[in-house]
């Protein structure tokens, strides 16, 4: 998820909006006027895919965390 978040941040910085807001605008058709531009069409397609992948992984993470105790999930390596 962290790698996906870093990629999302690049698009957020480039376009000046959070991924959540971008996705809502895109899926509601508010960004259709940008379809005629190759760069934004390509960027928006990639951004959407990365965001949807992040959403699926976040949902899976939340589900797994809800099924077990956090303490048993935590990776802990004692320092010696």
C-alpha atoms as a PDB file:
ATOM      1  CA  UNK A   1       0.000   0.000   0.000  1.00  0.00           C
ATOM      2  CA  UNK A   2       2.852   2.385   0.725  1.00  0.00           C
ATOM      3  CA  UNK A   3       4.221   2.091  -2.819  1.00  0.00           C
ATOM      4  CA  UNK A   4       0.760   2.845  -4.203  1.00  0.00           C
ATOM      5  CA  UNK A   5       0.441   5.819  -1.859  1.00  0.00           C
ATOM      6  CA  UNK A   6       3.752   7.203  -3.119  1.00  0.00           C
ATOM      7  CA  UNK A   7       2.519   6.918  -6.705  1.00  0.00           C
ATOM      8  CA  UNK A   8      -0.768   8.584  -5.781  1.00  0.00           C
ATOM      9  CA  UNK A   9       1.160  11.430  -4.165  1.00  0.00           C
ATOM     10  CA  UNK A  10       2.937  12.149  -7.448  1.00  0.00           C
ATOM     11  CA  UNK A  11      -0.388  12.658  -9.220  1.00  0.00           C
ATOM     12  CA  UNK A  12      -1.791  14.646  -6.297  1.00  0.00           C
ATOM     13  CA  UNK A  13       1.184  16.993  -6.427  1.00  0.00           C
ATOM     14  CA  UNK A  14       1.022  17.296 -10.215  1.00  0.00           C
ATOM     15  CA  UNK A  15      -2.696  18.099 -10.358  1.00  0.00           C
ATOM     16  CA  UNK A  16      -3.194  19.730  -6.942  1.00  0.00           C
ATOM     17  CA  UNK A  17      -6.050  17.568  -5.659  1.00  0.00           C
ATOM     18  CA  UNK A  18      -6.298  14.554  -3.392  1.00  0.00           C
ATOM     19  CA  UNK A  19      -6.867  11.177  -5.015  1.00  0.00           C
ATOM     20  CA  UNK A  20     -10.204  10.733  -3.272  1.00  0.00           C
ATOM     21  CA  UNK A  21     -11.489  14.001  -4.747  1.00  0.00           C
ATOM     22  CA  UNK A  22     -10.053  13.206  -8.175  1.00  0.00           C
ATOM     23  CA  UNK A  23     -11.714   9.780  -8.185  1.00  0.00           C
ATOM     24  CA  UNK A  24     -15.095  11.185  -7.153  1.00  0.00           C
ATOM     25  CA  UNK A  25     -14.926  13.824  -9.896  1.00  0.00           C
ATOM     26  CA  UNK A  26     -13.762  11.333 -12.512  1.00  0.00           C
ATOM     27  CA  UNK A  27     -16.394   8.713 -11.753  1.00  0.00           C
ATOM     28  CA  UNK A  28     -19.161  11.332 -11.731  1.00  0.00           C
ATOM     29  CA  UNK A  29     -18.147  12.583 -15.187  1.00  0.00           C
ATOM     30  CA  UNK A  30     -16.883  15.976 -14.069  1.00  0.00           C
ATOM     31  CA  UNK A  31     -13.520  15.513 -15.813  1.00  0.00           C
ATOM     32  CA  UNK A  32     -14.765  14.392 -19.237  1.00  0.00           C
ATOM     33  CA  UNK A  33     -13.529  17.600 -20.880  1.00  0.00           C
ATOM     34  CA  UNK A  34      -9.954  16.399 -20.272  1.00  0.00           C
ATOM     35  CA  UNK A  35     -10.507  13.262 -22.387  1.00  0.00           C
ATOM     36  CA  UNK A  36      -9.353  15.079 -25.513  1.00  0.00           C
ATOM     37  CA  UNK A  37      -5.853  15.641 -24.118  1.00  0.00           C
ATOM     38  CA  UNK A  38      -3.474  12.685 -24.425  1.00  0.00           C
ATOM     39  CA  UNK A  39      -1.439  13.495 -21.310  1.00  0.00           C
ATOM     40  CA  UNK A  40      -4.361  13.911 -18.944  1.00  0.00           C
ATOM     41  CA  UNK A  41      -6.237  10.964 -20.432  1.00  0.00           C
ATOM     42  CA  UNK A  42      -3.205   8.733 -19.852  1.00  0.00           C
ATOM     43  CA  UNK A  43      -2.480  10.178 -16.398  1.00  0.00           C
ATOM     44  CA  UNK A  44      -6.113   9.962 -15.321  1.00  0.00           C
ATOM     45  CA  UNK A  45      -6.377   6.357 -16.463  1.00  0.00           C
ATOM     46  CA  UNK A  46      -3.253   5.367 -14.532  1.00  0.00           C
ATOM     47  CA  UNK A  47      -4.232   7.435 -11.496  1.00  0.00           C
ATOM     48  CA  UNK A  48      -7.679   5.820 -11.439  1.00  0.00           C
ATOM     49  CA  UNK A  49      -6.165   2.337 -11.665  1.00  0.00           C
ATOM     50  CA  UNK A  50      -3.672   2.973  -8.901  1.00  0.00           C
ATOM     51  CA  UNK A  51      -6.371   4.466  -6.676  1.00  0.00           C
ATOM     52  CA  UNK A  52      -8.748   1.545  -7.262  1.00  0.00           C
ATOM     53  CA  UNK A  53      -5.957  -0.917  -6.476  1.00  0.00           C
ATOM     54  CA  UNK A  54      -5.168   1.030  -3.294  1.00  0.00           C
ATOM     55  CA  UNK A  55      -8.861   0.981  -2.305  1.00  0.00           C
ATOM     56  CA  UNK A  56      -9.073  -2.801  -2.755  1.00  0.00           C
ATOM     57  CA  UNK A  57      -5.919  -3.381  -0.730  1.00  0.00           C
ATOM     58  CA  UNK A  58      -7.079  -0.989   1.997  1.00  0.00           C
ATOM     59  CA  UNK A  59     -10.417  -2.819   2.234  1.00  0.00           C
ATOM     60  CA  UNK A  60      -8.633  -6.181   2.440  1.00  0.00           C
ATOM     61  CA  UNK A  61      -6.325  -4.815   5.138  1.00  0.00           C
ATOM     62  CA  UNK A  62      -9.221  -3.471   7.216  1.00  0.00           C
ATOM     63  CA  UNK A  63     -11.074  -6.776   6.858  1.00  0.00           C
ATOM     64  CA  UNK A  64      -8.046  -8.815   7.922  1.00  0.00           C
ATOM     65  CA  UNK A  65      -7.364  -6.516  10.831  1.00  0.00           C
ATOM     66  CA  UNK A  66     -10.969  -6.850  11.967  1.00  0.00           C
ATOM     67  CA  UNK A  67     -10.713 -10.632  11.933  1.00  0.00           C
ATOM     68  CA  UNK A  68      -7.799 -10.800  14.331  1.00  0.00           C
ATOM     69  CA  UNK A  69      -6.320  -8.980  17.228  1.00  0.00           C
ATOM     70  CA  UNK A  70      -3.870  -6.225  16.316  1.00  0.00           C
ATOM     71  CA  UNK A  71      -1.263  -7.532  18.735  1.00  0.00           C
ATOM     72  CA  UNK A  72      -1.142 -10.866  16.893  1.00  0.00           C
ATOM     73  CA  UNK A  73      -0.755  -9.095  13.539  1.00  0.00           C
ATOM     74  CA  UNK A  74       1.988  -6.727  14.628  1.00  0.00           C
ATOM     75  CA  UNK A  75       5.445  -7.568  13.325  1.00  0.00           C
ATOM     76  CA  UNK A  76       7.733  -7.087  16.238  1.00  0.00           C
ATOM     77  CA  UNK A  77      11.443  -7.657  16.171  1.00  0.00           C
ATOM     78  CA  UNK A  78      13.190  -6.994  19.449  1.00  0.00           C
ATOM     79  CA  UNK A  79      16.421  -5.077  19.280  1.00  0.00           C
ATOM     80  CA  UNK A  80      19.332  -6.730  20.999  1.00  0.00           C
END
